[in-house]
Amino acid sequence: MRVSMCAAAFVVCACASGGGNKSSNDTPLIQEQSEMTRVETPTGVLQIDWHRERTYDETKLLVNVDKAWAAMPTVFGELGIEPNVVDSRQHVFGNAGTTHRGKLGTQRMSHYFDCGTTAGIANADQYDILVRVITQIIPADAGLSALRTQVEATGHANATSGQVVRCATTGALEERIAHMLSEQALRAAQ
C-alpha cells in the first residue's frame, strides 16, 4: 500500500510539474469550482450543487435574462412539469421532485431516462419515476443569458418492494428545455 501511494504521489507530482516551459503563474487546465444555489421553498431549503457528482447542461441563449425568465413557465407547462421551485431573484425554476409513470407530458419516460430493461422492455416506461428538474438562467456575455438545467431521476417498480434504481438521463429533456426556451424567448422578443 505504501509503495502504491508513493507511486501515485510521484505520478501526480510529475504530471503537475510537466508541460515544458510554462511559468509558475499559468493557471491549471482543470479548476474545481464550488457553485451552489440555495432556494427557499415552502417545504424547506433546496441546495443545488451544480458541480457535485451530478451533471448539467448549459446552453447560451440569444436573449437577455429577463426575456428568458419570462418564457420559463410556458416551457415547463408544455412539458407537463408542474413547478414547485420558483426563485425570481436567482432565476431558478423547476420541480424538486414529482413522480411520473409512463409519460412525462406527451413523451414516453424512456425517451428521457434509462433505468435499464426487463425482458426487453424499458423500465422507465413501467416504473414510477421520481423526476427532479431544476433550471437557472444566468447572465452571459454581451447582455445575453445562458440556461443551465440539471435533471435527476430514480425509478421503482410499483408492484414490488424492490430497490430504487438511479435512472440516467438521455439528455433529451435538457435539450428539449433549452430548445423550447430559446424559441419561446425569441418569439416574445420580436
N, C-alpha and C. Protein backbone atom coordinates (compact mmCIF):
# COMPACT_ATOMS: atom_id res chain seq x y z
N MET A 1 0.83 -1.19 0.00
CA MET A 1 0.00 0.00 0.00
C MET A 1 0.88 1.25 0.00
N ARG A 2 1.95 1.24 0.78
CA ARG A 2 2.82 2.39 0.88
C ARG A 2 3.49 2.68 -0.46
N VAL A 3 3.90 1.61 -1.20
CA VAL A 3 4.56 1.80 -2.49
C VAL A 3 3.59 2.42 -3.49
N SER A 4 2.34 1.91 -3.53
CA SER A 4 1.39 2.46 -4.50
C SER A 4 1.02 3.90 -4.16
N MET A 5 0.96 4.27 -2.88
CA MET A 5 0.68 5.66 -2.51
C MET A 5 1.83 6.55 -2.95
N CYS A 6 3.08 6.07 -2.76
CA CYS A 6 4.25 6.84 -3.20
C CYS A 6 4.26 6.97 -4.71
N ALA A 7 3.91 5.87 -5.41
CA ALA A 7 3.89 5.90 -6.87
C ALA A 7 2.82 6.87 -7.35
N ALA A 8 1.66 6.85 -6.71
CA ALA A 8 0.58 7.78 -7.09
C ALA A 8 1.01 9.21 -6.85
N ALA A 9 1.68 9.48 -5.73
CA ALA A 9 2.14 10.83 -5.44
C ALA A 9 3.17 11.27 -6.47
N PHE A 10 4.04 10.35 -6.88
CA PHE A 10 5.05 10.67 -7.89
C PHE A 10 4.39 11.02 -9.23
N VAL A 11 3.38 10.23 -9.64
CA VAL A 11 2.68 10.48 -10.90
C VAL A 11 1.99 11.83 -10.86
N VAL A 12 1.32 12.14 -9.73
CA VAL A 12 0.64 13.43 -9.61
C VAL A 12 1.64 14.57 -9.68
N CYS A 13 2.76 14.44 -8.96
CA CYS A 13 3.77 15.48 -8.97
C CYS A 13 4.39 15.62 -10.37
N ALA A 14 4.65 14.49 -11.02
CA ALA A 14 5.25 14.52 -12.35
C ALA A 14 4.30 15.19 -13.33
N CYS A 15 3.01 14.87 -13.24
CA CYS A 15 2.03 15.49 -14.15
C CYS A 15 1.91 16.97 -13.87
N ALA A 16 1.92 17.34 -12.60
CA ALA A 16 1.76 18.74 -12.24
C ALA A 16 2.97 19.57 -12.65
N SER A 17 4.15 18.98 -12.59
CA SER A 17 5.34 19.75 -12.91
C SER A 17 5.72 19.66 -14.38
N GLY A 18 5.14 18.70 -15.11
CA GLY A 18 5.48 18.54 -16.52
C GLY A 18 4.83 19.60 -17.37
N GLY A 19 5.15 19.62 -18.65
CA GLY A 19 4.47 20.53 -19.54
C GLY A 19 5.39 21.55 -20.16
N GLY A 20 6.69 21.40 -20.03
CA GLY A 20 7.59 22.25 -20.79
C GLY A 20 7.93 23.55 -20.11
N ASN A 21 7.82 24.65 -20.86
CA ASN A 21 8.32 25.95 -20.43
C ASN A 21 7.24 26.85 -19.83
N LYS A 22 6.30 26.32 -19.12
CA LYS A 22 5.27 27.15 -18.53
C LYS A 22 5.82 27.87 -17.32
N SER A 23 5.36 29.08 -17.11
CA SER A 23 5.78 29.81 -15.92
C SER A 23 4.91 29.39 -14.75
N SER A 24 5.33 29.71 -13.55
CA SER A 24 4.58 29.31 -12.37
C SER A 24 3.29 30.13 -12.23
N ASN A 25 3.12 31.17 -13.04
CA ASN A 25 1.91 31.99 -12.98
C ASN A 25 0.78 31.45 -13.85
N ASP A 26 1.04 30.42 -14.68
CA ASP A 26 0.00 29.85 -15.53
C ASP A 26 -1.08 29.20 -14.67
N THR A 27 -2.32 29.37 -15.07
CA THR A 27 -3.41 28.73 -14.33
C THR A 27 -3.50 27.28 -14.76
N PRO A 28 -3.91 26.40 -13.87
CA PRO A 28 -4.03 24.99 -14.23
C PRO A 28 -5.14 24.79 -15.26
N LEU A 29 -5.04 23.71 -16.02
CA LEU A 29 -6.02 23.42 -17.05
C LEU A 29 -7.37 23.03 -16.45
N ILE A 30 -7.34 22.38 -15.31
CA ILE A 30 -8.57 21.94 -14.67
C ILE A 30 -8.70 22.68 -13.35
N GLN A 31 -9.80 23.38 -13.19
CA GLN A 31 -10.06 24.09 -11.95
C GLN A 31 -11.37 23.57 -11.38
N GLU A 32 -11.37 23.31 -10.11
CA GLU A 32 -12.60 22.86 -9.48
C GLU A 32 -13.29 24.05 -8.86
N GLN A 33 -14.54 24.24 -9.21
CA GLN A 33 -15.32 25.33 -8.67
C GLN A 33 -16.43 24.77 -7.82
N SER A 34 -16.70 25.45 -6.75
CA SER A 34 -17.84 25.09 -5.94
C SER A 34 -18.90 26.12 -6.20
N GLU A 35 -19.96 25.71 -6.86
CA GLU A 35 -21.02 26.65 -7.19
C GLU A 35 -22.34 26.11 -6.68
N MET A 36 -22.87 26.79 -5.70
CA MET A 36 -24.12 26.38 -5.07
C MET A 36 -25.19 27.44 -5.29
N THR A 37 -26.40 26.99 -5.44
CA THR A 37 -27.55 27.88 -5.47
C THR A 37 -28.48 27.41 -4.37
N ARG A 38 -28.86 28.30 -3.49
CA ARG A 38 -29.74 27.99 -2.37
C ARG A 38 -31.09 28.64 -2.61
N VAL A 39 -32.16 27.84 -2.57
CA VAL A 39 -33.50 28.34 -2.82
C VAL A 39 -34.39 27.94 -1.66
N GLU A 40 -35.13 28.91 -1.12
CA GLU A 40 -36.09 28.59 -0.06
C GLU A 40 -37.42 28.26 -0.70
N THR A 41 -37.95 27.09 -0.35
CA THR A 41 -39.24 26.64 -0.89
C THR A 41 -40.22 26.51 0.28
N PRO A 42 -41.49 26.35 0.00
CA PRO A 42 -42.47 26.18 1.09
C PRO A 42 -42.18 24.96 1.97
N THR A 43 -41.49 23.95 1.42
CA THR A 43 -41.20 22.74 2.20
C THR A 43 -39.81 22.74 2.81
N GLY A 44 -39.03 23.78 2.61
CA GLY A 44 -37.69 23.85 3.18
C GLY A 44 -36.70 24.48 2.21
N VAL A 45 -35.43 24.30 2.51
CA VAL A 45 -34.37 24.88 1.69
C VAL A 45 -33.85 23.83 0.71
N LEU A 46 -33.74 24.22 -0.56
CA LEU A 46 -33.20 23.36 -1.60
C LEU A 46 -31.82 23.88 -1.97
N GLN A 47 -30.81 23.04 -1.83
CA GLN A 47 -29.46 23.42 -2.23
C GLN A 47 -29.12 22.71 -3.52
N ILE A 48 -28.74 23.48 -4.53
CA ILE A 48 -28.39 22.92 -5.82
C ILE A 48 -26.88 23.05 -5.97
N ASP A 49 -26.21 21.92 -6.00
CA ASP A 49 -24.76 21.89 -6.21
C ASP A 49 -24.56 21.57 -7.68
N TRP A 50 -24.19 22.58 -8.46
CA TRP A 50 -24.11 22.43 -9.90
C TRP A 50 -22.94 21.56 -10.34
N HIS A 51 -21.99 21.28 -9.45
CA HIS A 51 -20.80 20.53 -9.87
C HIS A 51 -20.60 19.20 -9.15
N ARG A 52 -21.33 18.96 -8.05
CA ARG A 52 -21.18 17.68 -7.36
C ARG A 52 -21.51 16.57 -8.32
N GLU A 53 -21.28 15.37 -8.09
CA GLU A 53 -21.41 14.23 -8.98
C GLU A 53 -22.50 14.32 -10.04
N ARG A 54 -23.36 15.29 -9.97
CA ARG A 54 -24.39 15.46 -11.00
C ARG A 54 -23.82 16.21 -12.20
N THR A 55 -24.45 16.04 -13.30
CA THR A 55 -24.06 16.80 -14.48
C THR A 55 -25.18 17.77 -14.81
N TYR A 56 -24.84 18.79 -15.53
CA TYR A 56 -25.86 19.69 -16.01
C TYR A 56 -25.47 20.19 -17.38
N ASP A 57 -26.46 20.57 -18.15
CA ASP A 57 -26.23 21.14 -19.48
C ASP A 57 -26.33 22.65 -19.37
N GLU A 58 -25.46 23.35 -20.09
CA GLU A 58 -25.54 24.80 -20.15
C GLU A 58 -25.64 25.21 -21.61
N THR A 59 -26.62 26.05 -21.91
CA THR A 59 -26.89 26.48 -23.28
C THR A 59 -26.94 28.00 -23.34
N LYS A 60 -26.23 28.59 -24.27
CA LYS A 60 -26.28 30.04 -24.48
C LYS A 60 -27.60 30.39 -25.16
N LEU A 61 -28.20 31.48 -24.73
CA LEU A 61 -29.45 31.95 -25.31
C LEU A 61 -29.22 33.30 -25.98
N LEU A 62 -30.01 33.60 -26.99
CA LEU A 62 -29.85 34.85 -27.74
C LEU A 62 -30.76 35.96 -27.23
N VAL A 63 -31.17 35.86 -25.97
CA VAL A 63 -32.00 36.89 -25.34
C VAL A 63 -31.41 37.19 -23.96
N ASN A 64 -31.87 38.30 -23.37
CA ASN A 64 -31.37 38.63 -22.03
C ASN A 64 -32.04 37.77 -20.96
N VAL A 65 -31.57 37.91 -19.74
CA VAL A 65 -32.06 37.10 -18.63
C VAL A 65 -33.56 37.28 -18.42
N ASP A 66 -34.05 38.52 -18.46
CA ASP A 66 -35.47 38.77 -18.20
C ASP A 66 -36.38 38.12 -19.23
N LYS A 67 -36.01 38.20 -20.49
CA LYS A 67 -36.83 37.59 -21.55
C LYS A 67 -36.82 36.06 -21.43
N ALA A 68 -35.68 35.49 -21.11
CA ALA A 68 -35.60 34.03 -20.92
C ALA A 68 -36.43 33.61 -19.71
N TRP A 69 -36.33 34.37 -18.64
CA TRP A 69 -37.07 34.06 -17.42
C TRP A 69 -38.58 34.10 -17.67
N ALA A 70 -39.03 35.08 -18.43
CA ALA A 70 -40.45 35.21 -18.72
C ALA A 70 -41.00 34.02 -19.50
N ALA A 71 -40.17 33.35 -20.28
CA ALA A 71 -40.60 32.21 -21.09
C ALA A 71 -40.64 30.90 -20.31
N MET A 72 -40.01 30.87 -19.16
CA MET A 72 -39.87 29.62 -18.40
C MET A 72 -41.19 28.94 -18.05
N PRO A 73 -42.21 29.64 -17.51
CA PRO A 73 -43.46 28.95 -17.16
C PRO A 73 -44.13 28.28 -18.36
N THR A 74 -44.08 28.91 -19.51
CA THR A 74 -44.69 28.33 -20.71
C THR A 74 -44.01 27.02 -21.09
N VAL A 75 -42.69 27.01 -21.05
CA VAL A 75 -41.91 25.82 -21.42
C VAL A 75 -42.24 24.66 -20.48
N PHE A 76 -42.19 24.90 -19.19
CA PHE A 76 -42.48 23.84 -18.23
C PHE A 76 -43.93 23.37 -18.36
N GLY A 77 -44.84 24.29 -18.61
CA GLY A 77 -46.24 23.93 -18.80
C GLY A 77 -46.43 23.01 -19.99
N GLU A 78 -45.78 23.34 -21.11
CA GLU A 78 -45.89 22.50 -22.31
C GLU A 78 -45.26 21.13 -22.11
N LEU A 79 -44.26 21.03 -21.25
CA LEU A 79 -43.60 19.74 -20.98
C LEU A 79 -44.36 18.91 -19.95
N GLY A 80 -45.34 19.49 -19.29
CA GLY A 80 -46.10 18.76 -18.28
C GLY A 80 -45.37 18.65 -16.96
N ILE A 81 -44.48 19.62 -16.68
CA ILE A 81 -43.74 19.62 -15.42
C ILE A 81 -44.27 20.77 -14.57
N GLU A 82 -44.94 20.42 -13.48
CA GLU A 82 -45.51 21.42 -12.58
C GLU A 82 -44.40 22.01 -11.71
N PRO A 83 -44.16 23.32 -11.79
CA PRO A 83 -43.08 23.91 -10.99
C PRO A 83 -43.43 23.98 -9.51
N ASN A 84 -42.50 23.60 -8.65
CA ASN A 84 -42.66 23.80 -7.21
C ASN A 84 -41.45 24.52 -6.63
N VAL A 85 -40.55 24.95 -7.52
CA VAL A 85 -39.40 25.77 -7.13
C VAL A 85 -39.37 26.97 -8.08
N VAL A 86 -39.63 28.15 -7.54
CA VAL A 86 -39.59 29.38 -8.33
C VAL A 86 -38.90 30.44 -7.49
N ASP A 87 -37.73 30.87 -7.94
CA ASP A 87 -36.98 31.93 -7.25
C ASP A 87 -36.63 32.99 -8.29
N SER A 88 -37.43 34.05 -8.33
CA SER A 88 -37.24 35.07 -9.36
C SER A 88 -35.99 35.91 -9.12
N ARG A 89 -35.50 35.97 -7.90
CA ARG A 89 -34.28 36.73 -7.62
C ARG A 89 -33.05 36.06 -8.24
N GLN A 90 -32.97 34.72 -8.11
CA GLN A 90 -31.83 33.97 -8.65
C GLN A 90 -32.15 33.32 -10.00
N HIS A 91 -33.38 33.52 -10.48
CA HIS A 91 -33.85 32.96 -11.75
C HIS A 91 -33.74 31.43 -11.79
N VAL A 92 -34.20 30.82 -10.69
CA VAL A 92 -34.23 29.35 -10.58
C VAL A 92 -35.69 28.92 -10.72
N PHE A 93 -35.92 27.92 -11.57
CA PHE A 93 -37.28 27.45 -11.85
C PHE A 93 -37.22 25.94 -12.02
N GLY A 94 -38.19 25.24 -11.48
CA GLY A 94 -38.20 23.80 -11.70
C GLY A 94 -39.09 23.05 -10.75
N ASN A 95 -38.79 21.77 -10.65
CA ASN A 95 -39.54 20.88 -9.81
C ASN A 95 -38.54 20.03 -9.01
N ALA A 96 -38.64 20.11 -7.69
CA ALA A 96 -37.68 19.42 -6.82
C ALA A 96 -37.94 17.93 -6.72
N GLY A 97 -39.01 17.44 -7.31
CA GLY A 97 -39.26 16.01 -7.30
C GLY A 97 -40.73 15.66 -7.36
N THR A 98 -41.14 15.08 -8.47
CA THR A 98 -42.51 14.62 -8.66
C THR A 98 -42.47 13.27 -9.36
N THR A 99 -43.36 12.39 -8.96
CA THR A 99 -43.40 11.05 -9.54
C THR A 99 -44.27 11.04 -10.80
N HIS A 100 -43.73 10.41 -11.83
CA HIS A 100 -44.44 10.24 -13.11
C HIS A 100 -44.41 8.75 -13.46
N ARG A 101 -45.41 8.33 -14.19
CA ARG A 101 -45.45 6.92 -14.64
C ARG A 101 -45.80 6.88 -16.12
N GLY A 102 -44.96 6.23 -16.89
CA GLY A 102 -45.24 6.02 -18.31
C GLY A 102 -44.85 7.17 -19.20
N LYS A 103 -45.33 8.38 -18.87
CA LYS A 103 -45.06 9.53 -19.72
C LYS A 103 -44.73 10.77 -18.90
N LEU A 104 -43.98 11.64 -19.52
CA LEU A 104 -43.75 12.99 -19.00
C LEU A 104 -44.25 13.91 -20.10
N GLY A 105 -45.37 14.56 -19.86
CA GLY A 105 -46.02 15.31 -20.92
C GLY A 105 -46.52 14.34 -21.97
N THR A 106 -46.08 14.53 -23.21
CA THR A 106 -46.52 13.64 -24.29
C THR A 106 -45.47 12.59 -24.65
N GLN A 107 -44.31 12.63 -24.01
CA GLN A 107 -43.21 11.70 -24.33
C GLN A 107 -43.17 10.52 -23.36
N ARG A 108 -42.84 9.36 -23.89
CA ARG A 108 -42.60 8.20 -23.02
C ARG A 108 -41.39 8.51 -22.13
N MET A 109 -41.41 7.99 -20.92
CA MET A 109 -40.33 8.23 -19.97
C MET A 109 -38.99 7.72 -20.51
N SER A 110 -39.00 6.64 -21.29
CA SER A 110 -37.75 6.08 -21.82
C SER A 110 -37.09 7.01 -22.83
N HIS A 111 -37.82 7.98 -23.33
CA HIS A 111 -37.21 8.98 -24.22
C HIS A 111 -36.25 9.87 -23.43
N TYR A 112 -36.58 10.10 -22.16
CA TYR A 112 -35.79 10.98 -21.31
C TYR A 112 -34.86 10.26 -20.34
N PHE A 113 -35.21 9.01 -19.96
CA PHE A 113 -34.45 8.32 -18.91
C PHE A 113 -34.16 6.87 -19.27
N ASP A 114 -33.02 6.38 -18.80
CA ASP A 114 -32.63 4.99 -18.95
C ASP A 114 -32.54 4.38 -17.56
N CYS A 115 -33.47 3.52 -17.24
CA CYS A 115 -33.49 2.84 -15.94
C CYS A 115 -33.22 1.35 -16.12
N GLY A 116 -32.64 0.99 -17.26
CA GLY A 116 -32.40 -0.42 -17.56
C GLY A 116 -33.61 -1.03 -18.26
N THR A 117 -33.53 -2.36 -18.49
CA THR A 117 -34.63 -3.07 -19.14
C THR A 117 -34.94 -4.35 -18.40
N THR A 118 -36.16 -4.82 -18.57
CA THR A 118 -36.59 -6.11 -18.05
C THR A 118 -37.32 -6.81 -19.17
N ALA A 119 -36.82 -7.98 -19.56
CA ALA A 119 -37.41 -8.76 -20.65
C ALA A 119 -37.56 -7.92 -21.92
N GLY A 120 -36.59 -7.07 -22.19
CA GLY A 120 -36.59 -6.27 -23.40
C GLY A 120 -37.46 -5.03 -23.37
N ILE A 121 -38.09 -4.76 -22.23
CA ILE A 121 -38.96 -3.59 -22.10
C ILE A 121 -38.25 -2.56 -21.22
N ALA A 122 -38.27 -1.31 -21.67
CA ALA A 122 -37.61 -0.23 -20.91
C ALA A 122 -38.29 -0.06 -19.56
N ASN A 123 -37.50 -0.17 -18.49
CA ASN A 123 -38.04 0.00 -17.14
C ASN A 123 -38.62 1.41 -16.94
N ALA A 124 -38.03 2.40 -17.60
CA ALA A 124 -38.51 3.78 -17.43
C ALA A 124 -39.98 3.91 -17.82
N ASP A 125 -40.45 3.11 -18.75
CA ASP A 125 -41.85 3.17 -19.17
C ASP A 125 -42.78 2.40 -18.23
N GLN A 126 -42.21 1.55 -17.37
CA GLN A 126 -43.00 0.71 -16.47
C GLN A 126 -42.93 1.16 -15.02
N TYR A 127 -41.84 1.82 -14.64
CA TYR A 127 -41.61 2.20 -13.25
C TYR A 127 -42.30 3.51 -12.90
N ASP A 128 -42.47 3.72 -11.60
CA ASP A 128 -42.79 5.05 -11.08
C ASP A 128 -41.44 5.78 -11.03
N ILE A 129 -41.34 6.90 -11.72
CA ILE A 129 -40.07 7.63 -11.82
C ILE A 129 -40.19 8.95 -11.07
N LEU A 130 -39.34 9.13 -10.08
CA LEU A 130 -39.25 10.39 -9.34
C LEU A 130 -38.28 11.28 -10.11
N VAL A 131 -38.80 12.39 -10.64
CA VAL A 131 -38.02 13.26 -11.52
C VAL A 131 -37.78 14.61 -10.84
N ARG A 132 -36.55 15.06 -10.90
CA ARG A 132 -36.17 16.39 -10.41
C ARG A 132 -35.60 17.15 -11.59
N VAL A 133 -36.18 18.31 -11.89
CA VAL A 133 -35.71 19.15 -12.99
C VAL A 133 -35.55 20.57 -12.46
N ILE A 134 -34.33 21.05 -12.44
CA ILE A 134 -34.05 22.41 -11.96
C ILE A 134 -33.32 23.17 -13.06
N THR A 135 -33.80 24.37 -13.35
CA THR A 135 -33.13 25.22 -14.34
C THR A 135 -32.77 26.55 -13.69
N GLN A 136 -31.78 27.18 -14.26
CA GLN A 136 -31.41 28.52 -13.81
C GLN A 136 -30.95 29.33 -15.02
N ILE A 137 -31.43 30.55 -15.09
CA ILE A 137 -30.99 31.49 -16.13
C ILE A 137 -29.89 32.33 -15.51
N ILE A 138 -28.75 32.38 -16.18
CA ILE A 138 -27.62 33.17 -15.67
C ILE A 138 -27.17 34.16 -16.74
N PRO A 139 -26.62 35.30 -16.32
CA PRO A 139 -26.12 36.28 -17.30
C PRO A 139 -24.96 35.71 -18.11
N ALA A 140 -24.88 36.13 -19.36
CA ALA A 140 -23.78 35.73 -20.24
C ALA A 140 -23.21 36.99 -20.89
N ASP A 141 -22.21 36.82 -21.72
CA ASP A 141 -21.55 37.94 -22.39
C ASP A 141 -22.53 38.72 -23.25
N ALA A 142 -22.21 39.97 -23.48
CA ALA A 142 -22.94 40.87 -24.40
C ALA A 142 -24.40 41.06 -24.01
N GLY A 143 -24.72 40.98 -22.72
CA GLY A 143 -26.08 41.21 -22.26
C GLY A 143 -27.04 40.07 -22.54
N LEU A 144 -26.51 38.93 -22.98
CA LEU A 144 -27.35 37.77 -23.26
C LEU A 144 -27.43 36.90 -22.01
N SER A 145 -27.95 35.70 -22.14
CA SER A 145 -28.10 34.82 -20.99
C SER A 145 -27.71 33.40 -21.36
N ALA A 146 -27.65 32.56 -20.34
CA ALA A 146 -27.40 31.14 -20.53
C ALA A 146 -28.37 30.38 -19.63
N LEU A 147 -28.73 29.21 -20.07
CA LEU A 147 -29.63 28.34 -19.32
C LEU A 147 -28.84 27.13 -18.87
N ARG A 148 -28.95 26.82 -17.59
CA ARG A 148 -28.37 25.56 -17.14
C ARG A 148 -29.49 24.73 -16.53
N THR A 149 -29.47 23.45 -16.86
CA THR A 149 -30.53 22.54 -16.45
C THR A 149 -29.90 21.30 -15.84
N GLN A 150 -30.44 20.90 -14.71
CA GLN A 150 -29.98 19.70 -14.03
C GLN A 150 -31.17 18.76 -13.88
N VAL A 151 -31.01 17.54 -14.35
CA VAL A 151 -32.09 16.55 -14.31
C VAL A 151 -31.60 15.31 -13.57
N GLU A 152 -32.40 14.83 -12.64
CA GLU A 152 -32.10 13.59 -11.93
C GLU A 152 -33.37 12.77 -11.84
N ALA A 153 -33.20 11.46 -11.83
CA ALA A 153 -34.38 10.58 -11.71
C ALA A 153 -34.01 9.28 -11.04
N THR A 154 -34.98 8.75 -10.30
CA THR A 154 -34.86 7.42 -9.73
C THR A 154 -36.16 6.68 -10.05
N GLY A 155 -36.06 5.37 -10.18
CA GLY A 155 -37.24 4.58 -10.55
C GLY A 155 -37.48 3.46 -9.57
N HIS A 156 -38.73 3.03 -9.52
CA HIS A 156 -39.13 1.94 -8.63
C HIS A 156 -40.33 1.22 -9.25
N ALA A 157 -40.25 -0.09 -9.34
CA ALA A 157 -41.39 -0.88 -9.83
C ALA A 157 -42.47 -0.82 -8.77
N ASN A 158 -43.64 -0.32 -9.13
CA ASN A 158 -44.68 -0.10 -8.10
C ASN A 158 -45.33 -1.39 -7.61
N ALA A 159 -45.22 -2.46 -8.36
CA ALA A 159 -45.87 -3.72 -7.97
C ALA A 159 -45.01 -4.55 -7.02
N THR A 160 -43.76 -4.18 -6.85
CA THR A 160 -42.87 -4.95 -5.98
C THR A 160 -42.27 -4.06 -4.91
N SER A 161 -41.66 -4.68 -3.95
CA SER A 161 -40.96 -3.90 -2.93
C SER A 161 -39.48 -3.84 -3.25
N GLY A 162 -39.16 -3.90 -4.53
CA GLY A 162 -37.77 -3.87 -4.97
C GLY A 162 -37.08 -2.56 -4.66
N GLN A 163 -35.80 -2.57 -4.92
CA GLN A 163 -34.98 -1.41 -4.62
C GLN A 163 -35.19 -0.27 -5.62
N VAL A 164 -34.95 0.93 -5.16
CA VAL A 164 -34.99 2.11 -6.01
C VAL A 164 -33.72 2.12 -6.85
N VAL A 165 -33.86 2.39 -8.15
CA VAL A 165 -32.69 2.46 -9.03
C VAL A 165 -32.51 3.88 -9.54
N ARG A 166 -31.26 4.25 -9.73
CA ARG A 166 -30.97 5.55 -10.29
C ARG A 166 -31.10 5.45 -11.81
N CYS A 167 -31.81 6.38 -12.40
CA CYS A 167 -32.01 6.39 -13.84
C CYS A 167 -31.11 7.45 -14.47
N ALA A 168 -30.45 7.06 -15.53
CA ALA A 168 -29.57 8.01 -16.23
C ALA A 168 -30.41 8.85 -17.18
N THR A 169 -30.06 10.11 -17.30
CA THR A 169 -30.75 10.96 -18.25
C THR A 169 -30.19 10.70 -19.65
N THR A 170 -31.05 10.74 -20.64
CA THR A 170 -30.59 10.56 -22.02
C THR A 170 -30.10 11.89 -22.60
N GLY A 171 -30.37 12.99 -21.90
CA GLY A 171 -30.01 14.32 -22.39
C GLY A 171 -31.12 14.96 -23.21
N ALA A 172 -32.14 14.18 -23.56
CA ALA A 172 -33.23 14.68 -24.41
C ALA A 172 -34.07 15.73 -23.70
N LEU A 173 -34.30 15.58 -22.39
CA LEU A 173 -35.11 16.55 -21.66
C LEU A 173 -34.37 17.89 -21.55
N GLU A 174 -33.09 17.83 -21.21
CA GLU A 174 -32.29 19.05 -21.11
C GLU A 174 -32.26 19.79 -22.45
N GLU A 175 -32.09 19.01 -23.51
CA GLU A 175 -32.05 19.57 -24.86
C GLU A 175 -33.40 20.17 -25.24
N ARG A 176 -34.46 19.48 -24.89
CA ARG A 176 -35.82 19.96 -25.21
C ARG A 176 -36.12 21.26 -24.48
N ILE A 177 -35.76 21.34 -23.21
CA ILE A 177 -35.99 22.56 -22.43
C ILE A 177 -35.24 23.73 -23.06
N ALA A 178 -33.97 23.52 -23.39
CA ALA A 178 -33.16 24.59 -23.99
C ALA A 178 -33.74 25.03 -25.33
N HIS A 179 -34.14 24.07 -26.16
CA HIS A 179 -34.69 24.40 -27.47
C HIS A 179 -36.01 25.17 -27.35
N MET A 180 -36.90 24.67 -26.50
CA MET A 180 -38.19 25.33 -26.33
C MET A 180 -38.03 26.72 -25.73
N LEU A 181 -37.13 26.86 -24.76
CA LEU A 181 -36.92 28.16 -24.13
C LEU A 181 -36.35 29.16 -25.13
N SER A 182 -35.40 28.72 -25.94
CA SER A 182 -34.83 29.60 -26.97
C SER A 182 -35.90 30.08 -27.92
N GLU A 183 -36.72 29.15 -28.41
CA GLU A 183 -37.79 29.51 -29.36
C GLU A 183 -38.81 30.46 -28.72
N GLN A 184 -39.25 30.13 -27.52
CA GLN A 184 -40.27 30.92 -26.84
C GLN A 184 -39.75 32.33 -26.53
N ALA A 185 -38.53 32.43 -26.04
CA ALA A 185 -37.96 33.74 -25.67
C ALA A 185 -37.73 34.59 -26.92
N LEU A 186 -37.26 34.00 -28.00
CA LEU A 186 -37.04 34.76 -29.24
C LEU A 186 -38.37 35.24 -29.81
N ARG A 187 -39.38 34.40 -29.77
CA ARG A 187 -40.71 34.78 -30.26
C ARG A 187 -41.25 35.97 -29.46
N ALA A 188 -41.08 35.93 -28.15
CA ALA A 188 -41.58 37.01 -27.29
C ALA A 188 -40.79 38.30 -27.49
N ALA A 189 -39.52 38.17 -27.88
CA ALA A 189 -38.66 39.35 -28.06
C ALA A 189 -38.97 40.10 -29.35
N GLN A 190 -39.67 39.45 -30.29
CA GLN A 190 -39.94 40.09 -31.58
C GLN A 190 -41.14 41.00 -31.55
